[in-house]
N, C-alpha and C. Protein backbone atom coordinates (compact mmCIF):
# COMPACT_ATOMS: atom_id res chain seq x y z
N UNK A 1 -98.35 164.80 58.11
CA UNK A 1 -97.79 164.99 57.46
C UNK A 1 -96.87 164.44 56.42
N UNK A 2 -96.82 164.79 55.56
CA UNK A 2 -95.97 163.87 54.45
C UNK A 2 -94.42 163.30 55.04
N UNK A 3 -94.58 162.32 54.34
CA UNK A 3 -93.12 161.80 54.27
C UNK A 3 -91.74 162.26 52.75
N UNK A 4 -90.77 162.62 53.38
CA UNK A 4 -89.17 162.84 52.50
C UNK A 4 -89.67 161.75 51.83
N UNK A 5 -90.03 161.75 50.33
CA UNK A 5 -88.95 160.30 49.55
C UNK A 5 -88.01 160.53 48.92
N UNK A 6 -86.94 161.54 48.66
CA UNK A 6 -85.67 161.31 48.32
C UNK A 6 -84.82 162.33 48.80
N UNK A 7 -83.76 161.43 49.44
CA UNK A 7 -82.73 162.59 50.26
C UNK A 7 -81.74 163.24 49.24
N UNK A 8 -81.43 164.46 48.99
CA UNK A 8 -80.26 164.98 48.14
C UNK A 8 -79.02 164.42 48.34
N UNK A 9 -78.58 163.00 49.54
CA UNK A 9 -77.31 162.50 48.93
C UNK A 9 -77.71 161.37 49.01
N UNK A 10 -78.46 160.87 49.84
CA UNK A 10 -78.85 159.63 50.51
C UNK A 10 -79.15 158.57 49.41
N UNK A 11 -80.22 159.38 48.33
CA UNK A 11 -81.01 158.93 47.45
C UNK A 11 -82.50 159.15 47.86
N UNK A 12 -83.04 157.67 47.20
CA UNK A 12 -84.32 157.15 47.71
C UNK A 12 -83.91 156.22 48.97
N UNK A 13 -84.83 156.11 50.10
CA UNK A 13 -84.05 155.39 51.07
C UNK A 13 -85.05 154.16 51.01
N UNK A 14 -84.23 153.08 51.00
CA UNK A 14 -84.88 151.81 50.98
C UNK A 14 -85.90 151.39 51.99
N UNK A 15 -87.09 150.95 51.81
CA UNK A 15 -88.19 151.51 52.91
C UNK A 15 -88.46 149.58 53.73
N UNK A 16 -86.96 149.75 54.84
CA UNK A 16 -87.09 149.24 55.90
C UNK A 16 -88.48 148.48 56.14
N UNK A 17 -88.55 147.81 57.42
CA UNK A 17 -89.59 147.45 58.10
C UNK A 17 -90.01 148.37 58.76
N UNK A 18 -91.27 148.20 59.82
CA UNK A 18 -92.33 149.46 60.31
C UNK A 18 -91.45 149.22 61.44
N UNK A 19 -90.66 150.59 62.39
CA UNK A 19 -90.42 150.13 63.82
C UNK A 19 -90.43 151.32 64.68
N UNK A 20 -90.35 151.08 65.65
CA UNK A 20 -90.85 151.97 66.75
C UNK A 20 -89.84 152.66 67.40
N UNK A 21 -89.47 153.52 67.35
CA UNK A 21 -88.94 154.77 68.44
C UNK A 21 -89.40 155.67 69.45
N UNK A 22 -88.76 156.54 70.39
CA UNK A 22 -89.01 157.02 71.03
C UNK A 22 -88.65 158.68 70.86
N UNK A 23 -89.83 159.78 70.93
CA UNK A 23 -89.20 161.36 70.99
C UNK A 23 -90.04 161.49 71.54
N UNK A 24 -88.50 161.97 72.71
CA UNK A 24 -89.00 162.48 74.17
C UNK A 24 -89.83 162.00 74.68
N UNK A 25 -89.52 160.87 74.92
CA UNK A 25 -90.41 160.31 75.55
C UNK A 25 -91.66 159.21 75.10
N UNK A 26 -92.07 160.22 73.57
CA UNK A 26 -93.35 159.56 73.31
C UNK A 26 -92.50 158.29 72.13
N UNK A 27 -93.97 157.21 72.27
CA UNK A 27 -93.51 156.18 70.97
C UNK A 27 -94.13 156.78 70.02
N UNK A 28 -93.14 156.78 68.76
CA UNK A 28 -93.80 156.99 67.24
C UNK A 28 -92.99 155.94 65.87
N UNK A 29 -93.37 155.89 65.45
CA UNK A 29 -93.28 154.89 64.13
C UNK A 29 -92.71 155.27 62.84
N UNK A 30 -91.39 154.48 62.93
CA UNK A 30 -91.33 155.25 61.24
C UNK A 30 -90.65 153.55 60.63
N UNK A 31 -89.54 154.02 58.90
CA UNK A 31 -88.97 153.38 58.75
C UNK A 31 -87.69 152.67 59.00
N UNK A 32 -87.59 151.52 59.43
CA UNK A 32 -86.04 151.31 59.53
C UNK A 32 -84.88 151.61 58.36
N UNK A 33 -83.77 152.44 58.90
CA UNK A 33 -83.24 152.30 57.76
C UNK A 33 -83.16 154.35 57.15
N UNK A 34 -84.06 154.82 57.35
CA UNK A 34 -84.48 155.95 56.97
C UNK A 34 -84.15 156.72 58.06
N UNK A 35 -83.17 158.17 57.17
CA UNK A 35 -82.88 158.70 57.96
C UNK A 35 -83.94 159.28 59.80
N UNK A 36 -83.55 159.56 60.67
CA UNK A 36 -84.43 159.43 61.77
C UNK A 36 -84.99 160.73 61.26
N UNK A 37 -84.52 161.98 60.72
CA UNK A 37 -85.18 163.36 61.07
C UNK A 37 -86.64 163.54 59.94
N UNK A 38 -86.63 162.21 58.94
CA UNK A 38 -87.42 161.89 57.78
C UNK A 38 -88.42 161.28 58.62
N UNK A 39 -88.41 160.61 59.54
CA UNK A 39 -89.31 159.78 60.25
C UNK A 39 -90.22 160.71 61.15
N UNK A 40 -89.24 161.48 62.02
CA UNK A 40 -89.59 162.75 62.90
C UNK A 40 -90.53 163.69 61.75
N UNK A 41 -90.26 164.14 60.73
CA UNK A 41 -90.77 164.90 59.99
C UNK A 41 -92.52 164.18 59.28
N UNK A 42 -92.46 163.24 59.08
CA UNK A 42 -93.61 162.40 58.59
C UNK A 42 -94.59 162.31 59.88
N UNK A 43 -93.90 162.24 61.18
CA UNK A 43 -94.87 162.46 62.09
C UNK A 43 -95.16 163.91 62.29
N UNK A 44 -94.71 165.06 62.17
CA UNK A 44 -94.78 165.73 62.45
C UNK A 44 -94.54 166.66 63.60
N UNK A 45 -93.12 166.63 63.40
CA UNK A 45 -91.88 166.68 64.31
C UNK A 45 -91.41 167.93 63.60
N UNK A 46 -91.32 169.01 63.78
CA UNK A 46 -90.44 170.57 63.02
C UNK A 46 -88.93 170.56 64.03
N UNK A 47 -89.33 170.55 65.05
CA UNK A 47 -88.41 171.04 66.06
C UNK A 47 -87.44 169.99 66.19
N UNK A 48 -85.82 170.09 66.00
CA UNK A 48 -85.03 169.53 66.54
C UNK A 48 -83.97 169.70 67.79
N UNK A 49 -83.73 170.74 67.69
CA UNK A 49 -83.10 171.85 68.77
C UNK A 49 -83.59 172.99 68.86
N UNK A 50 -82.61 173.77 69.58
CA UNK A 50 -83.02 174.97 70.63
C UNK A 50 -82.13 175.30 70.36
N UNK A 51 -82.12 176.98 70.43
CA UNK A 51 -80.68 177.42 70.47
C UNK A 51 -80.27 177.80 71.24
N UNK A 52 -79.03 177.98 71.83
CA UNK A 52 -78.29 177.97 73.60
C UNK A 52 -78.72 179.50 74.06
N UNK A 53 -78.49 180.31 73.05
CA UNK A 53 -78.65 181.69 73.16
C UNK A 53 -80.30 181.98 74.04
N UNK A 54 -81.10 181.83 72.67
CA UNK A 54 -82.33 182.94 72.72
C UNK A 54 -83.29 181.86 72.42
N UNK A 55 -83.48 180.45 72.71
CA UNK A 55 -84.08 178.96 72.72
C UNK A 55 -84.87 179.43 70.96
N UNK A 56 -84.27 179.49 70.02
CA UNK A 56 -85.40 179.93 69.37
C UNK A 56 -85.22 178.34 68.63
N UNK A 57 -86.23 178.06 68.02
CA UNK A 57 -86.50 176.40 67.35
C UNK A 57 -85.78 176.15 66.20
N UNK A 58 -85.00 175.12 66.40
CA UNK A 58 -84.59 174.87 64.71
C UNK A 58 -85.08 173.10 63.86
N UNK A 59 -84.77 173.23 63.39
CA UNK A 59 -85.21 172.00 62.39
C UNK A 59 -84.47 171.55 61.38
N UNK A 60 -85.05 170.63 60.44
CA UNK A 60 -84.30 170.61 58.76
C UNK A 60 -83.81 172.15 58.36
N UNK A 61 -82.74 171.91 57.72
CA UNK A 61 -82.14 172.94 57.32
C UNK A 61 -81.63 172.85 56.11
N UNK A 62 -80.23 172.24 56.03
CA UNK A 62 -79.81 171.78 54.78
C UNK A 62 -80.52 170.67 54.51
N UNK A 63 -79.87 169.42 55.32
CA UNK A 63 -80.56 167.62 55.07
C UNK A 63 -78.82 167.23 54.09
N UNK A 64 -77.90 167.80 54.93
CA UNK A 64 -76.83 166.95 53.65
C UNK A 64 -75.86 166.82 54.96
N UNK A 65 -76.00 167.00 56.03
CA UNK A 65 -75.10 166.92 57.17
C UNK A 65 -74.24 168.09 57.44
N UNK A 66 -74.38 168.87 56.30
CA UNK A 66 -73.67 170.49 56.71
C UNK A 66 -73.64 171.48 58.07
N UNK A 67 -75.23 172.03 58.33
CA UNK A 67 -75.30 172.60 59.22
C UNK A 67 -75.69 171.89 60.55
N UNK A 68 -75.84 172.67 61.75
CA UNK A 68 -76.16 171.84 63.20
C UNK A 68 -77.48 172.03 63.42
N UNK A 69 -78.72 172.15 62.53
CA UNK A 69 -79.83 172.36 62.82
C UNK A 69 -80.80 171.15 63.19
N UNK A 70 -80.32 170.26 63.14
CA UNK A 70 -81.05 168.75 62.99
C UNK A 70 -80.21 167.76 64.01
N UNK A 71 -79.00 168.74 64.57
CA UNK A 71 -78.92 167.60 65.52
C UNK A 71 -79.80 167.12 66.79
N UNK A 72 -79.52 166.40 67.55
CA UNK A 72 -80.18 165.96 68.58
C UNK A 72 -79.44 164.67 69.10
N UNK A 73 -80.18 164.56 70.53
CA UNK A 73 -79.23 163.54 71.40
C UNK A 73 -79.68 162.46 70.94
N UNK A 74 -79.03 161.36 70.35
CA UNK A 74 -79.51 160.06 70.11
C UNK A 74 -79.08 158.86 71.11
N UNK A 75 -79.63 158.11 71.77
CA UNK A 75 -79.17 157.18 72.67
C UNK A 75 -78.28 157.36 73.52
N UNK A 76 -78.60 158.54 74.10
CA UNK A 76 -77.96 159.65 74.92
C UNK A 76 -76.62 160.27 74.37
N UNK A 77 -76.26 160.27 72.93
CA UNK A 77 -75.18 160.93 72.44
C UNK A 77 -75.19 162.02 72.16
N UNK A 78 -75.28 163.42 72.02
CA UNK A 78 -75.37 164.50 71.65
C UNK A 78 -74.71 165.17 70.26
N UNK A 79 -75.53 165.72 69.37
CA UNK A 79 -75.11 166.56 68.26
C UNK A 79 -75.07 165.68 66.94
N UNK A 80 -75.84 164.67 67.18
CA UNK A 80 -76.55 163.30 66.12
C UNK A 80 -77.16 163.76 65.09
N UNK A 81 -75.86 163.66 63.38
CA UNK A 81 -77.27 164.70 62.79
C UNK A 81 -77.86 163.75 61.90
N UNK A 82 -79.65 164.07 62.47
CA UNK A 82 -80.73 162.82 62.03
C UNK A 82 -80.66 163.22 60.78
N UNK A 83 -80.29 163.97 59.87
CA UNK A 83 -80.78 163.53 58.49
C UNK A 83 -80.10 163.04 57.37
N UNK A 84 -78.78 162.53 58.49
CA UNK A 84 -77.59 161.54 57.82
C UNK A 84 -78.00 160.38 58.44
N UNK A 85 -78.24 160.29 59.80
CA UNK A 85 -78.20 159.06 60.52
C UNK A 85 -79.77 158.28 60.61
N UNK A 86 -79.55 156.89 59.82
CA UNK A 86 -80.47 156.19 60.02
C UNK A 86 -81.05 155.62 61.21
N UNK A 87 -82.32 155.49 61.51
CA UNK A 87 -83.47 155.34 62.27
C UNK A 87 -83.07 153.44 62.58
N UNK A 88 -82.87 153.34 63.56
CA UNK A 88 -83.25 151.80 64.21
C UNK A 88 -84.14 151.46 64.83
N UNK A 89 -84.95 150.25 65.27
CA UNK A 89 -85.58 150.32 66.37
C UNK A 89 -85.71 150.44 67.84
N UNK A 90 -86.77 151.24 68.14
CA UNK A 90 -85.62 151.29 70.06
C UNK A 90 -84.93 152.35 70.03
N UNK A 91 -84.72 153.10 69.54
CA UNK A 91 -83.81 154.17 69.13
C UNK A 91 -84.61 155.31 69.77
N UNK A 92 -84.03 156.02 70.83
CA UNK A 92 -84.36 156.93 72.25
C UNK A 92 -83.61 158.49 70.99
N UNK A 93 -84.57 159.42 71.03
CA UNK A 93 -84.15 160.42 70.14
C UNK A 93 -84.75 161.56 70.90
N UNK A 94 -84.15 162.80 71.61
CA UNK A 94 -84.44 163.72 72.72
C UNK A 94 -84.08 165.03 71.77
N UNK A 95 -85.04 166.41 72.07
CA UNK A 95 -84.69 167.13 71.29
C UNK A 95 -83.40 168.03 72.46
N UNK A 96 -82.52 168.36 71.77
CA UNK A 96 -81.45 168.92 72.08
C UNK A 96 -81.58 170.73 72.51
N UNK A 97 -80.75 171.15 73.43
CA UNK A 97 -80.55 172.31 73.75
C UNK A 97 -79.23 172.88 73.25
N UNK A 98 -79.01 173.82 72.43
CA UNK A 98 -77.73 174.83 71.68
C UNK A 98 -77.57 172.89 70.89
N UNK A 99 -75.71 173.11 71.02
CA UNK A 99 -74.95 172.38 70.41
C UNK A 99 -74.22 172.38 71.44
N UNK A 100 -73.71 170.72 71.85
CA UNK A 100 -72.96 170.19 72.81
C UNK A 100 -71.52 170.57 72.35
N UNK A 101 -70.25 170.79 73.11
CA UNK A 101 -69.01 170.88 72.34
C UNK A 101 -68.63 169.04 72.18
N UNK A 102 -67.52 169.27 71.72
CA UNK A 102 -67.19 167.82 71.21
C UNK A 102 -66.70 167.65 71.87
N UNK A 103 -66.96 166.12 71.83
CA UNK A 103 -66.00 164.95 72.85
C UNK A 103 -64.69 164.83 71.80
N UNK A 104 -63.37 165.13 72.74
CA UNK A 104 -62.27 164.89 71.80
C UNK A 104 -61.47 163.99 72.41
N UNK A 105 -61.98 162.96 72.67
CA UNK A 105 -61.80 161.42 72.97
C UNK A 105 -62.31 160.70 71.75
N UNK A 106 -63.66 161.58 71.30
CA UNK A 106 -63.75 160.83 69.98
C UNK A 106 -62.68 160.76 69.59
N UNK A 107 -62.14 159.53 68.08
CA UNK A 107 -61.38 160.42 67.37
C UNK A 107 -61.76 161.27 66.17
N UNK A 108 -63.23 160.71 66.11
CA UNK A 108 -63.64 161.64 64.56
C UNK A 108 -63.29 163.03 64.78
N UNK A 109 -63.30 163.35 66.39
CA UNK A 109 -63.62 164.74 66.91
C UNK A 109 -62.14 165.27 66.91
N UNK A 110 -61.03 164.11 67.59
CA UNK A 110 -59.85 164.62 67.04
C UNK A 110 -59.72 164.92 65.68
N UNK A 111 -59.48 164.36 64.45
CA UNK A 111 -59.65 164.86 63.56
C UNK A 111 -59.78 165.99 62.86
N UNK A 112 -61.61 166.13 63.24
CA UNK A 112 -62.08 167.74 63.19
C UNK A 112 -61.08 168.63 63.97
N UNK A 113 -60.31 168.77 64.96
CA UNK A 113 -59.89 169.25 65.88
C UNK A 113 -58.60 169.69 64.71
N UNK A 114 -58.11 168.66 64.60
CA UNK A 114 -56.69 168.92 64.62
C UNK A 114 -56.80 169.31 62.48
N UNK A 115 -57.93 168.87 62.17
CA UNK A 115 -57.62 169.96 60.39
C UNK A 115 -58.27 171.53 60.97
N UNK A 116 -59.14 171.99 61.99
CA UNK A 116 -59.37 173.31 61.80
C UNK A 116 -57.91 173.98 62.55
N UNK A 117 -57.23 173.12 63.66
CA UNK A 117 -56.15 173.87 64.73
C UNK A 117 -54.86 173.94 63.31
N UNK A 118 -55.26 173.32 62.31
CA UNK A 118 -54.16 173.79 60.70
C UNK A 118 -54.56 174.98 60.09
N UNK A 119 -55.82 175.25 59.99
CA UNK A 119 -55.94 176.07 59.42
C UNK A 119 -55.90 176.05 58.16
N UNK A 120 -56.37 176.82 57.14
CA UNK A 120 -56.50 176.75 55.95
C UNK A 120 -55.11 176.83 54.84
N UNK A 121 -53.97 177.41 55.42
CA UNK A 121 -53.07 177.09 54.79
C UNK A 121 -52.39 176.06 54.67
N UNK A 122 -52.35 175.36 56.07
CA UNK A 122 -52.14 173.99 55.67
C UNK A 122 -52.87 173.15 55.28
N UNK A 123 -54.02 172.83 55.11
CA UNK A 123 -55.43 172.27 54.06
C UNK A 123 -54.46 172.87 53.02
N UNK A 124 -54.23 173.62 52.48
CA UNK A 124 -53.76 174.14 51.09
C UNK A 124 -52.47 173.58 51.04
N UNK A 125 -51.68 173.29 51.45
CA UNK A 125 -50.40 173.00 51.61
C UNK A 125 -50.54 171.26 51.64
N UNK A 126 -51.64 170.46 51.71
CA UNK A 126 -51.64 169.14 51.88
C UNK A 126 -52.34 169.21 50.71
N UNK A 127 -52.98 169.47 49.86
CA UNK A 127 -53.27 169.65 48.44
C UNK A 127 -52.58 169.19 47.59
C-alpha cells in the first residue's frame, strides 16, 4: 500500500525514525510523527472503526479532523482522530465500535459542550 506523502492541513510530515506500534494486537511499523492514519494506510489498513447501528466500516474520509470516520482507541482513549494524531513508538491502536460519548471531565469536552449548548445565536453574538 502506498504512503500518504502530504497532508491537507499538516503538510508534508517530517520523516522521523521508524517505530513499532500495535494495531489490534499486531505489531506494525511507521514513522514517528506521521499521523497514525498515514502509518495504518501504508500498512494496508483501511478500516478504523465500525458504525454503532449497522456495524459498517469507516476509514479516512476528510483527513482534516472534522468528521469522525478515522476515530480509534489509542492507548485506551476512545475517539482519537488518527488523521491528525502523530504516531509515537509503542502506541496501542485499536479499531473502535461506534463513537464513544464525550468524557465531560475533559476540559476540551466541557468547552465543546458549552459551545454546543449556547447555540448558533450565542456564537453569532460573541463574534
